[in-house]
Each structure stands twice: as C-alpha cells, then as structure tokens.
C-alpha cells in the first residue's frame, strides 16, 4: 500500500467562518475520518490553526531568521490534511472525493516519495 497526502486548502480571510456555519462541516469530517479508520486506510490527519498563527523559520544562512506569518503570501493556504494508505492513485482519488465533499473544499492528492 502506498501513502498519499490529501491536503485541504482554504481561502478564508483571516478568520474561519462562524462556528454555527462550520459545525456541519466538522461533523461530516468526523464521519469521513471514522470511515477511513474503519476501512484501514487511516495513517494520520490534522487540522491547522488559521494562517495568521503561522511562523516561518529560515536557517539557510549564517543566522536563523524567525518571521511571524506564512512562508508564502497567498490567498489560499493549507488548512488541514490526511495521510492515508491506498492501493493506487485511483483509490486515493476516491478517498479525496469523499474528503472534498465532507470538508466542502478542494483536496489535493500527492503520493509520498518512494511509494
């Protein structure tokens, strides 16, 4: 079984939508997560805090530089992800389709190296 990253990208402004608007999404994602676990495809998943809470570290020079904010300035940003096991890309895409429906957002699928 290969491992795939299913990443969810958001384009919210600085803050998430109100809780009452997000609650059905959270519930749908919880049901999706349970299905992935039940079918043995689960490796790991997580949601990320809003992009305003990001910090970037650059230690490629002589002195590390720590900067408040995201690495790339963009309207879209990574909001959460799943790492799953799937027999092939087609299976990973089927999982991504369900994930996209559950989280009401676009889901990017990428295989891990060496898989």
Protein backbone atom coordinates (compact mmCIF):
# COMPACT_ATOMS: atom_id res chain seq x y z
CA UNK A 1 0.00 0.00 0.00
CA UNK A 2 1.27 3.44 -0.89
CA UNK A 3 0.79 6.51 1.28
CA UNK A 4 -0.85 9.67 -0.03
CA UNK A 5 -1.24 13.18 1.33
CA UNK A 6 -4.74 14.58 0.94
CA UNK A 7 -4.39 18.29 1.65
CA UNK A 8 -7.25 20.72 2.15
CA UNK A 9 -6.72 24.28 1.03
CA UNK A 10 -8.71 27.21 2.36
CA UNK A 11 -9.22 30.69 1.03
CA UNK A 12 -10.81 32.21 4.12
CA UNK A 13 -9.73 35.65 5.11
CA UNK A 14 -8.00 35.99 8.48
CA UNK A 15 -10.64 34.10 10.46
CA UNK A 16 -12.65 30.92 9.99
CA UNK A 17 -16.38 31.24 9.32
CA UNK A 18 -18.61 31.28 12.43
CA UNK A 19 -18.94 28.04 14.42
CA UNK A 20 -22.61 27.59 13.53
CA UNK A 21 -21.61 27.65 9.85
CA UNK A 22 -18.67 25.26 10.38
CA UNK A 23 -20.36 22.74 12.71
CA UNK A 24 -21.95 20.68 9.90
CA UNK A 25 -18.54 20.54 8.19
CA UNK A 26 -16.85 19.33 11.40
CA UNK A 27 -19.49 16.63 11.76
CA UNK A 28 -19.11 15.50 8.13
CA UNK A 29 -15.33 15.37 8.50
CA UNK A 30 -15.68 13.33 11.71
CA UNK A 31 -17.87 10.82 9.81
CA UNK A 32 -15.34 10.69 6.96
CA UNK A 33 -12.47 10.18 9.43
CA UNK A 34 -14.29 7.26 11.02
CA UNK A 35 -14.93 5.67 7.62
CA UNK A 36 -11.23 5.96 6.71
CA UNK A 37 -10.31 4.33 10.04
CA UNK A 38 -12.93 1.59 9.68
CA UNK A 39 -11.63 0.68 6.22
CA UNK A 40 -7.99 0.56 7.35
CA UNK A 41 -6.75 3.46 5.22
CA UNK A 42 -6.05 5.83 8.14
CA UNK A 43 -2.47 6.84 8.90
CA UNK A 44 -2.76 10.36 10.35
CA UNK A 45 -4.74 13.57 9.94
CA UNK A 46 -4.88 17.05 11.37
CA UNK A 47 -6.44 20.44 11.05
CA UNK A 48 -4.30 23.56 11.25
CA UNK A 49 -4.90 26.83 13.04
CA UNK A 50 -5.59 29.93 10.91
CA UNK A 51 -2.73 31.18 8.74
CA UNK A 52 -2.38 34.27 10.96
CA UNK A 53 -0.82 31.97 13.58
CA UNK A 54 1.97 30.75 11.29
CA UNK A 55 5.66 31.41 11.97
CA UNK A 56 8.40 30.93 9.37
CA UNK A 57 11.97 29.89 10.20
CA UNK A 58 14.81 30.39 7.70
CA UNK A 59 18.08 28.86 8.82
CA UNK A 60 19.69 28.68 5.39
CA UNK A 61 22.13 31.49 6.13
CA UNK A 62 24.61 32.23 8.90
CA UNK A 63 21.91 33.36 11.34
CA UNK A 64 18.42 31.88 11.68
CA UNK A 65 15.63 34.32 10.86
CA UNK A 66 12.23 33.83 12.53
CA UNK A 67 9.34 35.74 10.98
CA UNK A 68 5.71 35.98 12.06
CA UNK A 69 3.44 34.86 9.26
CA UNK A 70 3.29 32.30 6.49
CA UNK A 71 6.15 31.31 4.20
CA UNK A 72 4.26 32.31 1.06
CA UNK A 73 1.89 35.23 0.75
CA UNK A 74 -1.17 33.76 -0.92
CA UNK A 75 -4.94 33.93 -0.79
CA UNK A 76 -5.06 30.12 -0.43
CA UNK A 77 -3.34 28.18 2.33
CA UNK A 78 -3.11 24.70 3.81
CA UNK A 79 -5.89 24.23 6.33
CA UNK A 80 -5.61 20.53 7.13
CA UNK A 81 -4.62 17.16 5.77
CA UNK A 82 -4.94 13.40 5.86
CA UNK A 83 -2.22 10.84 5.30
CA UNK A 84 -3.86 7.68 4.01
CA UNK A 85 -2.84 4.30 2.67
CA UNK A 86 -4.27 3.34 -0.71
CA UNK A 87 -3.60 0.59 -3.22
CA UNK A 88 -3.13 3.11 -6.03
CA UNK A 89 -3.85 6.65 -7.19
CA UNK A 90 -7.40 5.75 -8.23
CA UNK A 91 -8.23 4.63 -4.70
CA UNK A 92 -6.60 7.75 -3.25
CA UNK A 93 -8.70 9.89 -5.60
CA UNK A 94 -11.87 8.14 -4.42
CA UNK A 95 -10.95 8.98 -0.82
CA UNK A 96 -10.16 12.56 -1.85
CA UNK A 97 -13.57 12.89 -3.50
CA UNK A 98 -15.27 11.93 -0.23
CA UNK A 99 -12.92 14.19 1.73
CA UNK A 100 -13.72 17.14 -0.51
CA UNK A 101 -17.44 16.59 -0.03
CA UNK A 102 -17.04 16.32 3.75
CA UNK A 103 -14.88 19.41 4.22
CA UNK A 104 -16.57 21.42 1.45
CA UNK A 105 -13.24 22.34 -0.08
CA UNK A 106 -10.73 21.33 -2.69
CA UNK A 107 -8.43 18.45 -1.81
CA UNK A 108 -5.03 17.97 -3.42
CA UNK A 109 -3.69 14.39 -3.68
CA UNK A 110 0.06 13.68 -3.68
CA UNK A 111 1.91 10.40 -3.25
CA UNK A 112 4.82 10.22 -0.85
CA UNK A 113 8.26 9.66 -2.35
CA UNK A 114 9.44 6.09 -2.60
CA UNK A 115 5.91 4.72 -2.77
